[in-house]
PDB file of N, CA and C in Angstrom:
ATOM      1  N   MET A   1      28.400 -24.256  -4.153  1.00  0.00           N
ATOM      2  CA  MET A   1      27.909 -24.353  -5.510  1.00  0.00           C
ATOM      3  C   MET A   1      26.565 -23.649  -5.599  1.00  0.00           C
ATOM      4  N   SER A   2      26.359 -22.884  -6.622  1.00  0.00           N
ATOM      5  CA  SER A   2      25.077 -22.239  -6.854  1.00  0.00           C
ATOM      6  C   SER A   2      24.807 -22.228  -8.342  1.00  0.00           C
ATOM      7  N   MET A   3      23.602 -22.624  -8.715  1.00  0.00           N
ATOM      8  CA  MET A   3      23.217 -22.658 -10.116  1.00  0.00           C
ATOM      9  C   MET A   3      22.188 -21.577 -10.373  1.00  0.00           C
ATOM     10  N   LEU A   4      22.254 -21.006 -11.541  1.00  0.00           N
ATOM     11  CA  LEU A   4      21.268 -20.004 -11.909  1.00  0.00           C
ATOM     12  C   LEU A   4      20.074 -20.707 -12.536  1.00  0.00           C
ATOM     13  N   ILE A   5      18.920 -20.570 -11.892  1.00  0.00           N
ATOM     14  CA  ILE A   5      17.676 -21.125 -12.407  1.00  0.00           C
ATOM     15  C   ILE A   5      16.784 -19.944 -12.734  1.00  0.00           C
ATOM     16  N   PRO A   6      16.189 -19.941 -13.915  1.00  0.00           N
ATOM     17  CA  PRO A   6      15.337 -18.811 -14.274  1.00  0.00           C
ATOM     18  C   PRO A   6      14.205 -18.617 -13.262  1.00  0.00           C
ATOM     19  N   PRO A   7      13.948 -17.369 -12.852  1.00  0.00           N
ATOM     20  CA  PRO A   7      12.871 -17.099 -11.896  1.00  0.00           C
ATOM     21  C   PRO A   7      11.520 -17.656 -12.351  1.00  0.00           C
ATOM     22  N   SER A   8      11.264 -17.647 -13.653  1.00  0.00           N
ATOM     23  CA  SER A   8       9.987 -18.162 -14.161  1.00  0.00           C
ATOM     24  C   SER A   8       9.850 -19.656 -13.868  1.00  0.00           C
ATOM     25  N   LEU A   9      10.941 -20.391 -13.905  1.00  0.00           N
ATOM     26  CA  LEU A   9      10.916 -21.816 -13.582  1.00  0.00           C
ATOM     27  C   LEU A   9      10.765 -22.022 -12.077  1.00  0.00           C
ATOM     28  N   LEU A  10      11.456 -21.221 -11.284  1.00  0.00           N
ATOM     29  CA  LEU A  10      11.340 -21.319  -9.828  1.00  0.00           C
ATOM     30  C   LEU A  10       9.918 -21.023  -9.352  1.00  0.00           C
ATOM     31  N   ARG A  11       9.268 -20.047  -9.979  1.00  0.00           N
ATOM     32  CA  ARG A  11       7.907 -19.682  -9.573  1.00  0.00           C
ATOM     33  C   ARG A  11       6.934 -20.844  -9.728  1.00  0.00           C
ATOM     34  N   LYS A  12       7.240 -21.782 -10.613  1.00  0.00           N
ATOM     35  CA  LYS A  12       6.372 -22.936 -10.826  1.00  0.00           C
ATOM     36  C   LYS A  12       6.384 -23.883  -9.628  1.00  0.00           C
ATOM     37  N   VAL A  13       7.358 -23.750  -8.742  1.00  0.00           N
ATOM     38  CA  VAL A  13       7.421 -24.577  -7.535  1.00  0.00           C
ATOM     39  C   VAL A  13       6.331 -24.147  -6.542  1.00  0.00           C
ATOM     40  N   TYR A  14       5.914 -22.894  -6.615  1.00  0.00           N
ATOM     41  CA  TYR A  14       4.869 -22.372  -5.733  1.00  0.00           C
ATOM     42  C   TYR A  14       3.509 -22.695  -6.337  1.00  0.00           C
ATOM     43  N   LEU A  15       2.602 -23.261  -5.543  1.00  0.00           N
ATOM     44  CA  LEU A  15       1.261 -23.596  -5.999  1.00  0.00           C
ATOM     45  C   LEU A  15       0.363 -22.365  -5.835  1.00  0.00           C
ATOM     46  N   THR A  16       0.129 -21.661  -6.930  1.00  0.00           N
ATOM     47  CA  THR A  16      -0.679 -20.446  -6.911  1.00  0.00           C
ATOM     48  C   THR A  16      -2.083 -20.750  -6.390  1.00  0.00           C
ATOM     49  N   GLY A  17      -2.582 -19.873  -5.511  1.00  0.00           N
ATOM     50  CA  GLY A  17      -3.896 -20.048  -4.921  1.00  0.00           C
ATOM     51  C   GLY A  17      -3.878 -20.849  -3.630  1.00  0.00           C
ATOM     52  N   SER A  18      -2.694 -21.212  -3.156  1.00  0.00           N
ATOM     53  CA  SER A  18      -2.590 -22.050  -1.947  1.00  0.00           C
ATOM     54  C   SER A  18      -2.446 -21.246  -0.655  1.00  0.00           C
ATOM     55  N   LEU A  19      -2.328 -19.941  -0.755  1.00  0.00           N
ATOM     56  CA  LEU A  19      -2.132 -19.102   0.427  1.00  0.00           C
ATOM     57  C   LEU A  19      -3.435 -19.012   1.225  1.00  0.00           C
ATOM     58  N   VAL A  20      -3.426 -19.524   2.468  1.00  0.00           N
ATOM     59  CA  VAL A  20      -4.624 -19.540   3.314  1.00  0.00           C
ATOM     60  C   VAL A  20      -4.250 -19.274   4.770  1.00  0.00           C
ATOM     61  N   ASN A  21      -5.227 -18.774   5.526  1.00  0.00           N
ATOM     62  CA  ASN A  21      -5.112 -18.707   6.975  1.00  0.00           C
ATOM     63  C   ASN A  21      -5.700 -19.992   7.539  1.00  0.00           C
ATOM     64  N   GLY A  22      -5.144 -20.449   8.653  1.00  0.00           N
ATOM     65  CA  GLY A  22      -5.656 -21.633   9.316  1.00  0.00           C
ATOM     66  C   GLY A  22      -5.564 -21.462  10.819  1.00  0.00           C
ATOM     67  N   PRO A  23      -5.959 -22.484  11.564  1.00  0.00           N
ATOM     68  CA  PRO A  23      -5.937 -22.376  13.023  1.00  0.00           C
ATOM     69  C   PRO A  23      -4.532 -22.223  13.606  1.00  0.00           C
ATOM     70  N   GLN A  24      -3.521 -22.707  12.904  1.00  0.00           N
ATOM     71  CA  GLN A  24      -2.143 -22.633  13.398  1.00  0.00           C
ATOM     72  C   GLN A  24      -1.393 -21.403  12.900  1.00  0.00           C
ATOM     73  N   GLY A  25      -1.953 -20.724  11.906  1.00  0.00           N
ATOM     74  CA  GLY A  25      -1.271 -19.597  11.272  1.00  0.00           C
ATOM     75  C   GLY A  25      -1.570 -19.623   9.787  1.00  0.00           C
ATOM     76  N   PHE A  26      -0.750 -18.976   8.969  1.00  0.00           N
ATOM     77  CA  PHE A  26      -0.997 -19.024   7.533  1.00  0.00           C
ATOM     78  C   PHE A  26      -0.115 -20.087   6.896  1.00  0.00           C
ATOM     79  N   SER A  27      -0.544 -20.532   5.717  1.00  0.00           N
ATOM     80  CA  SER A  27       0.240 -21.559   5.033  1.00  0.00           C
ATOM     81  C   SER A  27       0.139 -21.380   3.524  1.00  0.00           C
ATOM     82  N   PHE A  28       1.046 -22.036   2.841  1.00  0.00           N
ATOM     83  CA  PHE A  28       1.056 -22.105   1.385  1.00  0.00           C
ATOM     84  C   PHE A  28       1.692 -23.425   0.995  1.00  0.00           C
ATOM     85  N   THR A  29       1.567 -23.764  -0.282  1.00  0.00           N
ATOM     86  CA  THR A  29       2.054 -25.057  -0.745  1.00  0.00           C
ATOM     87  C   THR A  29       3.115 -24.897  -1.822  1.00  0.00           C
ATOM     88  N   LEU A  30       4.173 -25.680  -1.679  1.00  0.00           N
ATOM     89  CA  LEU A  30       5.207 -25.801  -2.696  1.00  0.00           C
ATOM     90  C   LEU A  30       5.073 -27.181  -3.326  1.00  0.00           C
ATOM     91  N   LYS A  31       5.291 -27.260  -4.624  1.00  0.00           N
ATOM     92  CA  LYS A  31       5.264 -28.545  -5.314  1.00  0.00           C
ATOM     93  C   LYS A  31       6.410 -28.547  -6.307  1.00  0.00           C
ATOM     94  N   ASN A  32       7.407 -29.327  -5.988  1.00  0.00           N
ATOM     95  CA  ASN A  32       8.608 -29.419  -6.802  1.00  0.00           C
ATOM     96  C   ASN A  32       8.287 -30.163  -8.097  1.00  0.00           C
ATOM     97  N   THR A  33       8.296 -29.454  -9.196  1.00  0.00           N
ATOM     98  CA  THR A  33       8.038 -30.074 -10.496  1.00  0.00           C
ATOM     99  C   THR A  33       9.299 -30.121 -11.354  1.00  0.00           C
ATOM    100  N   ILE A  34      10.430 -29.800 -10.760  1.00  0.00           N
ATOM    101  CA  ILE A  34      11.672 -29.690 -11.529  1.00  0.00           C
ATOM    102  C   ILE A  34      12.494 -30.977 -11.464  1.00  0.00           C
ATOM    103  N   ALA A  35      12.992 -31.320 -10.284  1.00  0.00           N
ATOM    104  CA  ALA A  35      13.802 -32.526 -10.080  1.00  0.00           C
ATOM    105  C   ALA A  35      13.911 -32.780  -8.583  1.00  0.00           C
ATOM    106  N   ARG A  36      14.112 -34.031  -8.207  1.00  0.00           N
ATOM    107  CA  ARG A  36      14.263 -34.369  -6.795  1.00  0.00           C
ATOM    108  C   ARG A  36      15.376 -33.511  -6.200  1.00  0.00           C
ATOM    109  N   GLY A  37      15.111 -33.007  -4.998  1.00  0.00           N
ATOM    110  CA  GLY A  37      16.099 -32.172  -4.342  1.00  0.00           C
ATOM    111  C   GLY A  37      16.306 -32.584  -2.902  1.00  0.00           C
ATOM    112  N   THR A  38      17.418 -32.137  -2.348  1.00  0.00           N
ATOM    113  CA  THR A  38      17.730 -32.390  -0.950  1.00  0.00           C
ATOM    114  C   THR A  38      17.834 -31.043  -0.250  1.00  0.00           C
ATOM    115  N   LEU A  39      16.814 -30.727   0.534  1.00  0.00           N
ATOM    116  CA  LEU A  39      16.770 -29.453   1.245  1.00  0.00           C
ATOM    117  C   LEU A  39      17.720 -29.513   2.437  1.00  0.00           C
ATOM    118  N   GLN A  40      18.643 -28.557   2.501  1.00  0.00           N
ATOM    119  CA  GLN A  40      19.601 -28.484   3.594  1.00  0.00           C
ATOM    120  C   GLN A  40      19.299 -27.330   4.539  1.00  0.00           C
ATOM    121  N   GLY A  41      18.260 -26.574   4.235  1.00  0.00           N
ATOM    122  CA  GLY A  41      17.887 -25.489   5.129  1.00  0.00           C
ATOM    123  C   GLY A  41      16.964 -24.492   4.473  1.00  0.00           C
ATOM    124  N   LEU A  42      16.147 -23.876   5.311  1.00  0.00           N
ATOM    125  CA  LEU A  42      15.335 -22.746   4.907  1.00  0.00           C
ATOM    126  C   LEU A  42      16.147 -21.519   5.287  1.00  0.00           C
ATOM    127  N   ALA A  43      16.682 -20.847   4.284  1.00  0.00           N
ATOM    128  CA  ALA A  43      17.583 -19.728   4.547  1.00  0.00           C
ATOM    129  C   ALA A  43      16.838 -18.481   4.980  1.00  0.00           C
ATOM    130  N   ALA A  44      15.652 -18.269   4.424  1.00  0.00           N
ATOM    131  CA  ALA A  44      14.891 -17.059   4.748  1.00  0.00           C
ATOM    132  C   ALA A  44      13.451 -17.231   4.304  1.00  0.00           C
ATOM    133  N   LEU A  45      12.585 -16.516   4.976  1.00  0.00           N
ATOM    134  CA  LEU A  45      11.181 -16.450   4.585  1.00  0.00           C
ATOM    135  C   LEU A  45      10.682 -15.059   4.948  1.00  0.00           C
ATOM    136  N   ALA A  46      10.039 -14.417   3.976  1.00  0.00           N
ATOM    137  CA  ALA A  46       9.480 -13.087   4.230  1.00  0.00           C
ATOM    138  C   ALA A  46       8.108 -13.002   3.588  1.00  0.00           C
ATOM    139  N   ILE A  47       7.216 -12.277   4.247  1.00  0.00           N
ATOM    140  CA  ILE A  47       5.891 -12.012   3.706  1.00  0.00           C
ATOM    141  C   ILE A  47       5.700 -10.500   3.719  1.00  0.00           C
ATOM    142  N   ASP A  48       5.441  -9.947   2.575  1.00  0.00           N
ATOM    143  CA  ASP A  48       5.287  -8.491   2.426  1.00  0.00           C
ATOM    144  C   ASP A  48       6.476  -7.738   3.014  1.00  0.00           C
ATOM    145  N   GLY A  49       7.667  -8.285   2.841  1.00  0.00           N
ATOM    146  CA  GLY A  49       8.892  -7.651   3.313  1.00  0.00           C
ATOM    147  C   GLY A  49       9.233  -7.910   4.766  1.00  0.00           C
ATOM    148  N   GLU A  50       8.346  -8.555   5.512  1.00  0.00           N
ATOM    149  CA  GLU A  50       8.591  -8.852   6.929  1.00  0.00           C
ATOM    150  C   GLU A  50       9.230 -10.229   7.063  1.00  0.00           C
ATOM    151  N   GLU A  51      10.437 -10.244   7.619  1.00  0.00           N
ATOM    152  CA  GLU A  51      11.143 -11.506   7.826  1.00  0.00           C
ATOM    153  C   GLU A  51      10.416 -12.356   8.868  1.00  0.00           C
ATOM    154  N   ILE A  52      10.301 -13.639   8.592  1.00  0.00           N
ATOM    155  CA  ILE A  52       9.665 -14.586   9.505  1.00  0.00           C
ATOM    156  C   ILE A  52      10.767 -15.446  10.115  1.00  0.00           C
ATOM    157  N   PRO A  53      10.843 -15.551  11.443  1.00  0.00           N
ATOM    158  CA  PRO A  53      11.853 -16.423  12.049  1.00  0.00           C
ATOM    159  C   PRO A  53      11.643 -17.883  11.618  1.00  0.00           C
ATOM    160  N   VAL A  54      12.717 -18.533  11.226  1.00  0.00           N
ATOM    161  CA  VAL A  54      12.645 -19.916  10.746  1.00  0.00           C
ATOM    162  C   VAL A  54      12.040 -20.837  11.806  1.00  0.00           C
ATOM    163  N   GLY A  55      12.203 -20.492  13.075  1.00  0.00           N
ATOM    164  CA  GLY A  55      11.636 -21.294  14.153  1.00  0.00           C
ATOM    165  C   GLY A  55      10.114 -21.338  14.155  1.00  0.00           C
ATOM    166  N   GLN A  56       9.461 -20.439  13.421  1.00  0.00           N
ATOM    167  CA  GLN A  56       7.997 -20.416  13.334  1.00  0.00           C
ATOM    168  C   GLN A  56       7.473 -21.254  12.171  1.00  0.00           C
ATOM    169  N   VAL A  57       8.379 -21.841  11.396  1.00  0.00           N
ATOM    170  CA  VAL A  57       7.988 -22.500  10.149  1.00  0.00           C
ATOM    171  C   VAL A  57       8.046 -24.021  10.281  1.00  0.00           C
ATOM    172  N   LYS A  58       6.980 -24.667   9.770  1.00  0.00           N
ATOM    173  CA  LYS A  58       6.929 -26.126   9.717  1.00  0.00           C
ATOM    174  C   LYS A  58       6.620 -26.552   8.290  1.00  0.00           C
ATOM    175  N   LEU A  59       7.213 -27.657   7.878  1.00  0.00           N
ATOM    176  CA  LEU A  59       6.966 -28.223   6.556  1.00  0.00           C
ATOM    177  C   LEU A  59       6.249 -29.556   6.724  1.00  0.00           C
ATOM    178  N   GLU A  60       5.231 -29.778   5.913  1.00  0.00           N
ATOM    179  CA  GLU A  60       4.501 -31.047   5.977  1.00  0.00           C
ATOM    180  C   GLU A  60       4.475 -31.693   4.606  1.00  0.00           C
ATOM    181  N   ARG A  61       4.927 -32.943   4.581  1.00  0.00           N
ATOM    182  CA  ARG A  61       4.976 -33.729   3.349  1.00  0.00           C
ATOM    183  C   ARG A  61       4.394 -35.103   3.658  1.00  0.00           C
ATOM    184  N   GLU A  62       3.314 -35.450   2.967  1.00  0.00           N
ATOM    185  CA  GLU A  62       2.675 -36.760   3.119  1.00  0.00           C
ATOM    186  C   GLU A  62       2.411 -37.103   4.585  1.00  0.00           C
ATOM    187  N   GLY A  63       1.909 -36.111   5.348  1.00  0.00           N
ATOM    188  CA  GLY A  63       1.558 -36.327   6.746  1.00  0.00           C
ATOM    189  C   GLY A  63       2.701 -36.212   7.737  1.00  0.00           C
ATOM    190  N   GLU A  64       3.913 -36.075   7.253  1.00  0.00           N
ATOM    191  CA  GLU A  64       5.096 -35.941   8.110  1.00  0.00           C
ATOM    192  C   GLU A  64       5.412 -34.455   8.293  1.00  0.00           C
ATOM    193  N   VAL A  65       5.418 -33.998   9.547  1.00  0.00           N
ATOM    194  CA  VAL A  65       5.683 -32.586   9.849  1.00  0.00           C
ATOM    195  C   VAL A  65       7.105 -32.445  10.379  1.00  0.00           C
ATOM    196  N   THR A  66       7.830 -31.471   9.838  1.00  0.00           N
ATOM    197  CA  THR A  66       9.206 -31.207  10.245  1.00  0.00           C
ATOM    198  C   THR A  66       9.376 -29.724  10.510  1.00  0.00           C
ATOM    199  N   ALA A  67       9.999 -29.386  11.624  1.00  0.00           N
ATOM    200  CA  ALA A  67      10.328 -27.989  11.912  1.00  0.00           C
ATOM    201  C   ALA A  67      11.423 -27.546  10.951  1.00  0.00           C
ATOM    202  N   ALA A  68      11.244 -26.382  10.340  1.00  0.00           N
ATOM    203  CA  ALA A  68      12.215 -25.890   9.358  1.00  0.00           C
ATOM    204  C   ALA A  68      13.598 -25.711   9.965  1.00  0.00           C
ATOM    205  N   ASP A  69      13.660 -25.317  11.247  1.00  0.00           N
ATOM    206  CA  ASP A  69      14.981 -25.107  11.848  1.00  0.00           C
ATOM    207  C   ASP A  69      15.687 -26.420  12.195  1.00  0.00           C
ATOM    208  N   ALA A  70      14.999 -27.561  12.019  1.00  0.00           N
ATOM    209  CA  ALA A  70      15.634 -28.868  12.234  1.00  0.00           C
ATOM    210  C   ALA A  70      16.293 -29.388  10.958  1.00  0.00           C
ATOM    211  N   ILE A  71      16.042 -28.718   9.835  1.00  0.00           N
ATOM    212  CA  ILE A  71      16.619 -29.127   8.548  1.00  0.00           C
ATOM    213  C   ILE A  71      17.962 -28.433   8.380  1.00  0.00           C
ATOM    214  N   THR A  72      19.011 -29.236   8.284  1.00  0.00           N
ATOM    215  CA  THR A  72      20.383 -28.729   8.183  1.00  0.00           C
ATOM    216  C   THR A  72      21.157 -29.594   7.190  1.00  0.00           C
ATOM    217  N   PRO A  73      22.369 -29.189   6.808  1.00  0.00           N
ATOM    218  CA  PRO A  73      23.168 -30.061   5.964  1.00  0.00           C
ATOM    219  C   PRO A  73      23.418 -31.432   6.610  1.00  0.00           C
ATOM    220  N   ALA A  74      23.511 -31.469   7.939  1.00  0.00           N
ATOM    221  CA  ALA A  74      23.716 -32.740   8.644  1.00  0.00           C
ATOM    222  C   ALA A  74      22.418 -33.535   8.784  1.00  0.00           C
ATOM    223  N   ALA A  75      21.272 -32.845   8.681  1.00  0.00           N
ATOM    224  CA  ALA A  75      19.958 -33.488   8.784  1.00  0.00           C
ATOM    225  C   ALA A  75      19.071 -32.964   7.652  1.00  0.00           C
ATOM    226  N   PRO A  76      19.389 -33.348   6.406  1.00  0.00           N
ATOM    227  CA  PRO A  76      18.650 -32.823   5.259  1.00  0.00           C
ATOM    228  C   PRO A  76      17.249 -33.427   5.150  1.00  0.00           C
ATOM    229  N   TRP A  77      16.480 -32.875   4.239  1.00  0.00           N
ATOM    230  CA  TRP A  77      15.085 -33.255   4.043  1.00  0.00           C
ATOM    231  C   TRP A  77      14.847 -33.422   2.550  1.00  0.00           C
ATOM    232  N   VAL A  78      14.353 -34.574   2.148  1.00  0.00           N
ATOM    233  CA  VAL A  78      14.131 -34.837   0.727  1.00  0.00           C
ATOM    234  C   VAL A  78      12.929 -34.031   0.241  1.00  0.00           C
ATOM    235  N   PHE A  79      13.122 -33.370  -0.887  1.00  0.00           N
ATOM    236  CA  PHE A  79      12.076 -32.576  -1.528  1.00  0.00           C
ATOM    237  C   PHE A  79      11.748 -33.282  -2.844  1.00  0.00           C
ATOM    238  N   PRO A  80      10.840 -34.300  -2.778  1.00  0.00           N
ATOM    239  CA  PRO A  80      10.582 -35.117  -3.962  1.00  0.00           C
ATOM    240  C   PRO A  80       9.815 -34.374  -5.053  1.00  0.00           C
ATOM    241  N   VAL A  81       9.849 -34.930  -6.240  1.00  0.00           N
ATOM    242  CA  VAL A  81       9.129 -34.366  -7.376  1.00  0.00           C
ATOM    243  C   VAL A  81       7.641 -34.689  -7.241  1.00  0.00           C
ATOM    244  N   ASN A  82       6.812 -33.712  -7.574  1.00  0.00           N
ATOM    245  CA  ASN A  82       5.351 -33.851  -7.627  1.00  0.00           C
ATOM    246  C   ASN A  82       4.693 -34.245  -6.308  1.00  0.00           C
ATOM    247  N   THR A  83       5.322 -33.935  -5.202  1.00  0.00           N
ATOM    248  CA  THR A  83       4.735 -34.166  -3.885  1.00  0.00           C
ATOM    249  C   THR A  83       4.505 -32.813  -3.227  1.00  0.00           C
ATOM    250  N   PRO A  84       3.242 -32.461  -2.944  1.00  0.00           N
ATOM    251  CA  PRO A  84       2.975 -31.168  -2.308  1.00  0.00           C
ATOM    252  C   PRO A  84       3.608 -31.079  -0.916  1.00  0.00           C
ATOM    253  N   VAL A  85       4.169 -29.924  -0.619  1.00  0.00           N
ATOM    254  CA  VAL A  85       4.743 -29.639   0.697  1.00  0.00           C
ATOM    255  C   VAL A  85       4.032 -28.407   1.227  1.00  0.00           C
ATOM    256  N   GLN A  86       3.322 -28.583   2.344  1.00  0.00           N
ATOM    257  CA  GLN A  86       2.633 -27.445   2.955  1.00  0.00           C
ATOM    258  C   GLN A  86       3.594 -26.755   3.908  1.00  0.00           C
ATOM    259  N   VAL A  87       3.750 -25.449   3.734  1.00  0.00           N
ATOM    260  CA  VAL A  87       4.600 -24.630   4.586  1.00  0.00           C
ATOM    261  C   VAL A  87       3.680 -23.819   5.481  1.00  0.00           C
ATOM    262  N   THR A  88       3.785 -24.021   6.806  1.00  0.00           N
ATOM    263  CA  THR A  88       2.924 -23.319   7.762  1.00  0.00           C
ATOM    264  C   THR A  88       3.768 -22.409   8.637  1.00  0.00           C
ATOM    265  N   ILE A  89       3.305 -21.192   8.788  1.00  0.00           N
ATOM    266  CA  ILE A  89       3.960 -20.207   9.635  1.00  0.00           C
ATOM    267  C   ILE A  89       3.070 -20.019  10.858  1.00  0.00           C
ATOM    268  N   ALA A  90       3.547 -20.501  11.986  1.00  0.00           N
ATOM    269  CA  ALA A  90       2.755 -20.519  13.219  1.00  0.00           C
ATOM    270  C   ALA A  90       2.570 -19.130  13.799  1.00  0.00           C
ATOM    271  N   GLY A  91       1.374 -18.916  14.354  1.00  0.00           N
ATOM    272  CA  GLY A  91       1.116 -17.720  15.134  1.00  0.00           C
ATOM    273  C   GLY A  91       0.923 -16.442  14.353  1.00  0.00           C
ATOM    274  N   LYS A  92       0.728 -16.542  13.034  1.00  0.00           N
ATOM    275  CA  LYS A  92       0.548 -15.328  12.238  1.00  0.00           C
ATOM    276  C   LYS A  92      -0.526 -15.585  11.194  1.00  0.00           C
ATOM    277  N   ASN A  93      -1.517 -14.711  11.151  1.00  0.00           N
ATOM    278  CA  ASN A  93      -2.524 -14.754  10.097  1.00  0.00           C
ATOM    279  C   ASN A  93      -2.370 -13.516   9.235  1.00  0.00           C
ATOM    280  N   LEU A  94      -2.813 -13.633   8.006  1.00  0.00           N
ATOM    281  CA  LEU A  94      -2.679 -12.545   7.040  1.00  0.00           C
ATOM    282  C   LEU A  94      -4.032 -11.905   6.757  1.00  0.00           C
ATOM    283  N   SER A  95      -3.998 -10.654   6.352  1.00  0.00           N
ATOM    284  CA  SER A  95      -5.218  -9.965   5.938  1.00  0.00           C
ATOM    285  C   SER A  95      -5.582 -10.426   4.525  1.00  0.00           C
ATOM    286  N   PRO A  96      -6.864 -10.308   4.149  1.00  0.00           N
ATOM    287  CA  PRO A  96      -7.264 -10.671   2.793  1.00  0.00           C
ATOM    288  C   PRO A  96      -6.539  -9.801   1.773  1.00  0.00           C
ATOM    289  N   GLY A  97      -6.360 -10.353   0.584  1.00  0.00           N
ATOM    290  CA  GLY A  97      -5.737  -9.603  -0.504  1.00  0.00           C
ATOM    291  C   GLY A  97      -4.426 -10.225  -0.953  1.00  0.00           C
ATOM    292  N   GLU A  98      -3.720  -9.471  -1.791  1.00  0.00           N
ATOM    293  CA  GLU A  98      -2.476  -9.957  -2.378  1.00  0.00           C
ATOM    294  C   GLU A  98      -1.304  -9.779  -1.411  1.00  0.00           C
ATOM    295  N   HIS A  99      -0.412 -10.763  -1.421  1.00  0.00           N
ATOM    296  CA  HIS A  99       0.781 -10.729  -0.574  1.00  0.00           C
ATOM    297  C   HIS A  99       1.999 -11.155  -1.390  1.00  0.00           C
ATOM    298  N   ALA A 100       3.152 -10.604  -1.022  1.00  0.00           N
ATOM    299  CA  ALA A 100       4.423 -10.963  -1.648  1.00  0.00           C
ATOM    300  C   ALA A 100       5.158 -11.934  -0.726  1.00  0.00           C
ATOM    301  N   LEU A 101       5.559 -13.060  -1.276  1.00  0.00           N
ATOM    302  CA  LEU A 101       6.310 -14.053  -0.516  1.00  0.00           C
ATOM    303  C   LEU A 101       7.703 -14.207  -1.100  1.00  0.00           C
ATOM    304  N   LYS A 102       8.654 -14.361  -0.198  1.00  0.00           N
ATOM    305  CA  LYS A 102      10.043 -14.599  -0.596  1.00  0.00           C
ATOM    306  C   LYS A 102      10.542 -15.772   0.242  1.00  0.00           C
ATOM    307  N   VAL A 103      10.961 -16.835  -0.434  1.00  0.00           N
ATOM    308  CA  VAL A 103      11.408 -18.045   0.237  1.00  0.00           C
ATOM    309  C   VAL A 103      12.825 -18.357  -0.231  1.00  0.00           C
ATOM    310  N   GLY A 104      13.758 -18.404   0.706  1.00  0.00           N
ATOM    311  CA  GLY A 104      15.137 -18.762   0.394  1.00  0.00           C
ATOM    312  C   GLY A 104      15.404 -20.183   0.846  1.00  0.00           C
ATOM    313  N   LEU A 105      15.845 -21.019  -0.074  1.00  0.00           N
ATOM    314  CA  LEU A 105      16.121 -22.424   0.217  1.00  0.00           C
ATOM    315  C   LEU A 105      17.576 -22.749  -0.089  1.00  0.00           C
ATOM    316  N   THR A 106      18.135 -23.670   0.672  1.00  0.00           N
ATOM    317  CA  THR A 106      19.465 -24.187   0.367  1.00  0.00           C
ATOM    318  C   THR A 106      19.298 -25.648  -0.001  1.00  0.00           C
ATOM    319  N   LEU A 107      19.649 -25.969  -1.238  1.00  0.00           N
ATOM    320  CA  LEU A 107      19.532 -27.326  -1.753  1.00  0.00           C
ATOM    321  C   LEU A 107      20.917 -27.887  -2.034  1.00  0.00           C
ATOM    322  N   LYS A 108      21.115 -29.131  -1.680  1.00  0.00           N
ATOM    323  CA  LYS A 108      22.410 -29.782  -1.907  1.00  0.00           C
ATOM    324  C   LYS A 108      22.789 -29.724  -3.385  1.00  0.00           C
ATOM    325  N   GLU A 109      21.801 -29.957  -4.244  1.00  0.00           N
ATOM    326  CA  GLU A 109      22.069 -30.050  -5.678  1.00  0.00           C
ATOM    327  C   GLU A 109      22.261 -28.700  -6.361  1.00  0.00           C
ATOM    328  N   LEU A 110      21.686 -27.633  -5.811  1.00  0.00           N
ATOM    329  CA  LEU A 110      21.680 -26.339  -6.499  1.00  0.00           C
ATOM    330  C   LEU A 110      22.310 -25.191  -5.727  1.00  0.00           C
ATOM    331  N   GLY A 111      22.559 -25.405  -4.440  1.00  0.00           N
ATOM    332  CA  GLY A 111      23.037 -24.305  -3.615  1.00  0.00           C
ATOM    333  C   GLY A 111      21.863 -23.465  -3.156  1.00  0.00           C
ATOM    334  N   SER A 112      22.067 -22.172  -3.016  1.00  0.00           N
ATOM    335  CA  SER A 112      21.017 -21.271  -2.528  1.00  0.00           C
ATOM    336  C   SER A 112      20.153 -20.777  -3.676  1.00  0.00           C
ATOM    337  N   ILE A 113      18.842 -20.861  -3.474  1.00  0.00           N
ATOM    338  CA  ILE A 113      17.895 -20.329  -4.454  1.00  0.00           C
ATOM    339  C   ILE A 113      16.879 -19.467  -3.704  1.00  0.00           C
ATOM    340  N   VAL A 114      16.316 -18.517  -4.405  1.00  0.00           N
ATOM    341  CA  VAL A 114      15.304 -17.642  -3.816  1.00  0.00           C
ATOM    342  C   VAL A 114      14.085 -17.660  -4.730  1.00  0.00           C
ATOM    343  N   LEU A 115      12.960 -17.956  -4.127  1.00  0.00           N
ATOM    344  CA  LEU A 115      11.685 -17.998  -4.826  1.00  0.00           C
ATOM    345  C   LEU A 115      10.895 -16.760  -4.410  1.00  0.00           C
ATOM    346  N   GLU A 116      10.486 -15.946  -5.381  1.00  0.00           N
ATOM    347  CA  GLU A 116       9.692 -14.753  -5.093  1.00  0.00           C
ATOM    348  C   GLU A 116       8.401 -14.828  -5.890  1.00  0.00           C
ATOM    349  N   VAL A 117       7.274 -14.777  -5.156  1.00  0.00           N
ATOM    350  CA  VAL A 117       5.962 -14.864  -5.800  1.00  0.00           C
ATOM    351  C   VAL A 117       4.986 -13.908  -5.132  1.00  0.00           C
ATOM    352  N   ARG A 118       3.870 -13.679  -5.809  1.00  0.00           N
ATOM    353  CA  ARG A 118       2.751 -12.932  -5.257  1.00  0.00           C
ATOM    354  C   ARG A 118       1.545 -13.852  -5.336  1.00  0.00           C
ATOM    355  N   ASP A 119       0.738 -13.845  -4.277  1.00  0.00           N
ATOM    356  CA  ASP A 119      -0.470 -14.664  -4.262  1.00  0.00           C
ATOM    357  C   ASP A 119      -1.535 -13.930  -3.473  1.00  0.00           C
ATOM    358  N   THR A 120      -2.783 -14.266  -3.729  1.00  0.00           N
ATOM    359  CA  THR A 120      -3.901 -13.656  -3.036  1.00  0.00           C
ATOM    360  C   THR A 120      -4.435 -14.625  -2.007  1.00  0.00           C
ATOM    361  N   LEU A 121      -4.619 -14.136  -0.795  1.00  0.00           N
ATOM    362  CA  LEU A 121      -5.156 -14.959   0.274  1.00  0.00           C
ATOM    363  C   LEU A 121      -6.551 -15.434  -0.094  1.00  0.00           C
ATOM    364  N   VAL A 122      -6.770 -16.739  -0.013  1.00  0.00           N
ATOM    365  CA  VAL A 122      -8.078 -17.328  -0.334  1.00  0.00           C
ATOM    366  C   VAL A 122      -8.798 -17.714   0.954  1.00  0.00           C
ATOM    367  N   GLY A 123     -10.087 -17.945   0.847  1.00  0.00           N
ATOM    368  CA  GLY A 123     -10.847 -18.441   1.976  1.00  0.00           C
ATOM    369  C   GLY A 123     -11.254 -17.401   2.992  1.00  0.00           C
ATOM    370  N   GLU A 124     -11.172 -16.156   2.650  1.00  0.00           N
ATOM    371  CA  GLU A 124     -11.554 -15.081   3.592  1.00  0.00           C
ATOM    372  C   GLU A 124     -12.829 -14.424   3.115  1.00  0.00           C
TER     373      GLU A 124
END
């Protein structure tokens, strides 16, 4: 099952201005403002066209850290409404300036969705 969600609505899931470098790598924040979802997998992640291996990605929600490659249809992850989720990509820092992010998610309720946004690295 796959539902068509307008890109403008999907972009609201990304918290603009959240792109930062940190000691573990770079990170950004997603905040689901649409409806409770059940994440069944991170299908893809790319920054400036460079694919990031899912094994490098961790999701943090309310202090709970989960490896993205551990999220599967058999071991889903709740993506609640209005709860920030920090996405950290280990071992990679970004240069200052604007970057293009592409995040592919598989949700039980919606099927596959792709979020494409541009953000400027802050804190540099």
